[in-house]
Amino acid sequence: MKLLITTRADGNIEWYTRYTHPIIKEYAESCGADFMILDHDPPSGTFDNRPHFRIMKHYDLHNEYDRILSIDSDIIVARNAPNIFDEVPTDKIGVYLEDHDTKERQIDRRNKVKVCEESFGCIGFQENYINSGALLTSNIHKDIFQPIDDKYWTGQGSDDVHLSYKICQLDMPIHSLSCKWNFQPGPHGHNISEAYFIH
């Protein structure tokens, strides 16, 4: 099984990646995974002019790697973080679902995908808005890293909305990760000291 951990970054954020990248690379080594920084020009811009869609490179990378974890460069990996590849079954997409958090987030995140549906077509989306800050896929899931009718969702939520739409459209099974794997401040019942990935 060939494993990879990627992160998206360039020189514009070197002021913090010089601290986070060595820790992510060390985690990759502990998982038996290669480590790769995606710094290429993305296939599409976004509403906030950030290169979110570098993650779409995973479509090609899955031709070489069986499983790939994308982890945001602003995430700090805890020293005691277990192997996420052991946590997530190979036939499922491992990700934290933001619309399973607070009621406020649920309404906001699901509405974002509904707006996307108005542009790209109704697919019956009801739930499972992902946060791509920590996203684990196997090569059987590679088609989520494709455009929607040759287009990308460049509005609010950008790659999170795009990938949430594709996962629903392709009916891909999800392994819902605890917020420990993508810890952000909020009323989710966990202490930061219990977190594995601190976002």
Protein backbone atom coordinates (compact mmCIF):
# COMPACT_ATOMS: atom_id res chain seq x y z
CA MET A 1 0.00 0.00 0.00
CA LYS A 2 1.56 3.28 -1.12
CA LEU A 3 0.65 6.25 1.08
CA LEU A 4 1.05 10.00 0.65
CA ILE A 5 0.43 13.08 2.77
CA THR A 6 0.16 16.37 0.88
CA THR A 7 -0.13 19.95 1.98
CA ARG A 8 -0.84 23.05 -0.10
CA ALA A 9 1.62 25.90 0.30
CA ASP A 10 3.95 28.39 -1.36
CA GLY A 11 6.35 31.12 -0.31
CA ASN A 12 3.54 33.47 0.73
CA ILE A 13 2.91 31.49 3.91
CA GLU A 14 6.47 30.44 4.69
CA TRP A 15 6.31 32.47 7.90
CA TYR A 16 4.31 29.66 9.50
CA THR A 17 4.96 26.62 7.27
CA ARG A 18 8.59 26.65 8.42
CA TYR A 19 7.13 25.52 11.77
CA THR A 20 4.24 23.29 10.66
CA HIS A 21 5.76 21.47 7.68
CA PRO A 22 8.53 19.70 9.61
CA ILE A 23 5.91 18.36 12.03
CA ILE A 24 3.63 17.20 9.20
CA LYS A 25 6.59 15.55 7.46
CA GLU A 26 7.54 13.79 10.70
CA TYR A 27 3.95 12.56 11.03
CA ALA A 28 4.02 11.27 7.44
CA GLU A 29 7.17 9.31 8.21
CA SER A 30 5.56 7.80 11.30
CA CYS A 31 2.63 6.66 9.12
CA GLY A 32 4.91 5.19 6.47
CA ALA A 33 3.76 7.82 3.97
CA ASP A 34 5.58 10.05 1.53
CA PHE A 35 5.29 13.81 2.04
CA MET A 36 4.63 16.30 -0.75
CA ILE A 37 4.07 20.07 -0.88
CA LEU A 38 1.66 21.14 -3.61
CA ASP A 39 2.80 24.58 -4.77
CA HIS A 40 1.70 24.54 -8.42
CA ASP A 41 -0.74 26.97 -10.03
CA PRO A 42 -4.25 25.70 -9.29
CA PRO A 43 -6.65 24.88 -12.14
CA SER A 44 -9.04 27.61 -10.97
CA GLY A 45 -9.14 30.77 -8.90
CA THR A 46 -11.60 31.32 -6.07
CA PHE A 47 -13.66 34.13 -4.55
CA ASP A 48 -10.90 34.88 -2.02
CA ASN A 49 -8.00 34.61 -4.50
CA ARG A 50 -6.44 31.70 -2.63
CA PRO A 51 -5.14 28.55 -4.36
CA HIS A 52 -7.62 26.13 -2.76
CA PHE A 53 -7.93 23.98 -5.86
CA ARG A 54 -4.38 22.69 -5.74
CA ILE A 55 -6.02 19.74 -4.00
CA MET A 56 -7.41 18.62 -7.37
CA LYS A 57 -3.90 17.34 -8.13
CA HIS A 58 -4.91 14.32 -6.07
CA TYR A 59 -6.74 12.99 -9.13
CA ASP A 60 -3.39 12.45 -10.87
CA LEU A 61 -1.51 11.50 -7.72
CA HIS A 62 -3.96 8.65 -7.11
CA ASN A 63 -2.53 6.98 -10.21
CA GLU A 64 0.60 6.40 -8.12
CA TYR A 65 -0.66 6.37 -4.53
CA ASP A 66 -3.27 4.05 -3.03
CA ARG A 67 -4.26 6.46 -0.25
CA ILE A 68 -3.66 10.20 0.14
CA LEU A 69 -4.20 12.49 3.11
CA SER A 70 -4.48 16.22 2.39
CA ILE A 71 -3.68 18.29 5.45
CA ASP A 72 -3.75 22.08 5.55
CA SER A 73 -0.44 23.81 6.14
CA ASP A 74 -1.86 25.77 9.08
CA ILE A 75 -2.58 22.57 11.01
CA ILE A 76 -0.38 21.54 13.91
CA VAL A 77 -0.12 17.78 14.30
CA ALA A 78 0.03 16.62 17.92
CA ARG A 79 2.97 14.42 18.84
CA ASN A 80 0.59 11.71 20.08
CA ALA A 81 -1.57 11.67 16.93
CA PRO A 82 -2.33 8.08 15.93
CA ASN A 83 -2.04 6.81 12.37
CA ILE A 84 -5.07 8.20 10.52
CA PHE A 85 -4.65 5.56 7.81
CA ASP A 86 -5.52 2.95 10.47
CA GLU A 87 -8.53 5.00 11.59
CA VAL A 88 -10.28 5.24 8.21
CA PRO A 89 -11.42 2.17 6.22
CA THR A 90 -9.91 2.07 2.73
CA ASP A 91 -13.31 2.09 1.03
CA LYS A 92 -14.41 5.32 2.74
CA ILE A 93 -13.45 8.99 2.59
CA GLY A 94 -12.16 10.15 5.97
CA VAL A 95 -13.14 13.73 6.77
CA TYR A 96 -14.62 15.98 9.44
CA LEU A 97 -18.19 17.03 8.62
CA GLU A 98 -18.80 20.66 9.55
CA ASP A 99 -22.57 20.47 9.16
CA HIS A 100 -22.69 17.88 11.95
CA ASP A 101 -21.39 20.52 14.37
CA THR A 102 -23.57 23.35 15.70
CA LYS A 103 -27.04 24.18 14.33
CA GLU A 104 -25.66 27.50 13.05
CA ARG A 105 -22.89 25.76 11.10
CA GLN A 106 -25.33 23.16 9.83
CA ILE A 107 -27.59 25.79 8.28
CA ASP A 108 -24.72 27.85 6.88
CA ARG A 109 -22.77 24.94 5.35
CA ARG A 110 -25.75 23.17 3.82
CA ASN A 111 -27.00 26.43 2.34
CA LYS A 112 -23.61 26.90 0.63
CA VAL A 113 -24.04 23.59 -1.21
CA LYS A 114 -27.64 24.48 -2.08
CA VAL A 115 -26.33 27.62 -3.81
CA CYS A 116 -23.85 25.44 -5.69
CA GLU A 117 -26.72 23.15 -6.75
CA GLU A 118 -28.48 26.14 -8.28
CA SER A 119 -25.51 26.55 -10.62
CA PHE A 120 -24.48 22.95 -11.28
CA GLY A 121 -27.75 21.04 -10.92
CA CYS A 122 -29.74 19.52 -8.09
CA ILE A 123 -28.28 16.23 -6.82
CA GLY A 124 -30.43 15.89 -3.71
CA PHE A 125 -27.76 17.11 -1.29
CA GLN A 126 -29.03 16.88 2.28
CA GLU A 127 -25.96 16.62 4.50
CA ASN A 128 -22.20 15.95 4.79
CA TYR A 129 -20.42 19.25 4.19
CA ILE A 130 -16.73 18.43 4.40
CA ASN A 131 -13.77 20.41 5.68
CA SER A 132 -10.89 19.57 3.37
CA GLY A 133 -8.34 20.69 5.96
CA ALA A 134 -7.87 16.99 6.71
CA LEU A 135 -9.17 14.76 3.92
CA LEU A 136 -8.20 11.12 3.41
CA THR A 137 -9.10 9.33 0.18
CA SER A 138 -8.25 6.08 -1.57
CA ASN A 139 -7.73 5.77 -5.31
CA ILE A 140 -11.32 4.51 -5.71
CA HIS A 141 -12.41 8.04 -4.71
CA LYS A 142 -10.21 9.90 -7.22
CA ASP A 143 -13.15 11.13 -9.31
CA ILE A 144 -14.17 13.60 -6.60
CA PHE A 145 -11.09 15.59 -7.66
CA GLN A 146 -12.63 16.47 -11.00
CA PRO A 147 -14.47 19.54 -12.30
CA ILE A 148 -18.25 19.68 -12.41
CA ASP A 149 -19.12 19.93 -16.11
CA ASP A 150 -15.62 21.34 -16.73
CA LYS A 151 -16.13 24.00 -14.04
CA TYR A 152 -15.08 24.61 -10.45
CA TRP A 153 -17.15 26.09 -7.65
CA THR A 154 -15.37 29.38 -7.04
CA GLY A 155 -17.89 30.97 -4.66
CA GLN A 156 -18.12 30.85 -0.88
CA GLY A 157 -16.68 27.60 0.43
CA SER A 158 -14.76 26.95 -2.81
CA ASP A 159 -13.10 23.49 -2.63
CA ASP A 160 -15.10 22.38 0.43
CA VAL A 161 -18.36 23.02 -1.42
CA HIS A 162 -17.03 21.57 -4.69
CA LEU A 163 -15.85 18.35 -3.05
CA SER A 164 -18.99 18.04 -0.91
CA TYR A 165 -21.04 18.28 -4.11
CA LYS A 166 -18.91 15.69 -5.93
CA ILE A 167 -19.00 13.24 -3.01
CA CYS A 168 -22.79 13.44 -2.96
CA GLN A 169 -23.08 13.32 -6.76
CA LEU A 170 -20.91 10.18 -6.94
CA ASP A 171 -22.47 8.65 -3.81
CA MET A 172 -19.11 8.08 -2.14
CA PRO A 173 -19.20 6.61 1.39
CA ILE A 174 -17.81 8.76 4.22
CA HIS A 175 -16.08 7.88 7.46
CA SER A 176 -16.97 10.81 9.71
CA LEU A 177 -13.90 11.84 11.66
CA SER A 178 -14.13 13.24 15.17
CA CYS A 179 -13.27 16.91 15.49
CA LYS A 180 -10.07 15.68 17.16
CA TRP A 181 -8.82 15.19 13.60
CA ASN A 182 -9.62 18.78 12.60
CA PHE A 183 -9.89 20.68 15.86
CA GLN A 184 -11.22 24.23 15.66
CA PRO A 185 -12.55 26.41 18.48
CA GLY A 186 -16.22 25.72 19.09
CA PRO A 187 -18.81 23.96 21.26
CA HIS A 188 -18.01 20.40 20.14
CA GLY A 189 -17.32 18.91 23.55
CA HIS A 190 -13.57 18.38 23.16
CA ASN A 191 -10.61 20.05 24.79
CA ILE A 192 -7.72 21.19 22.63
CA SER A 193 -5.44 18.95 24.70
CA GLU A 194 -7.32 15.94 23.27
CA ALA A 195 -6.86 17.03 19.65
CA TYR A 196 -4.69 15.24 17.08
CA PHE A 197 -4.83 17.90 14.32
CA ILE A 198 -5.19 21.49 15.55
CA HIS A 199 -6.48 23.78 12.83
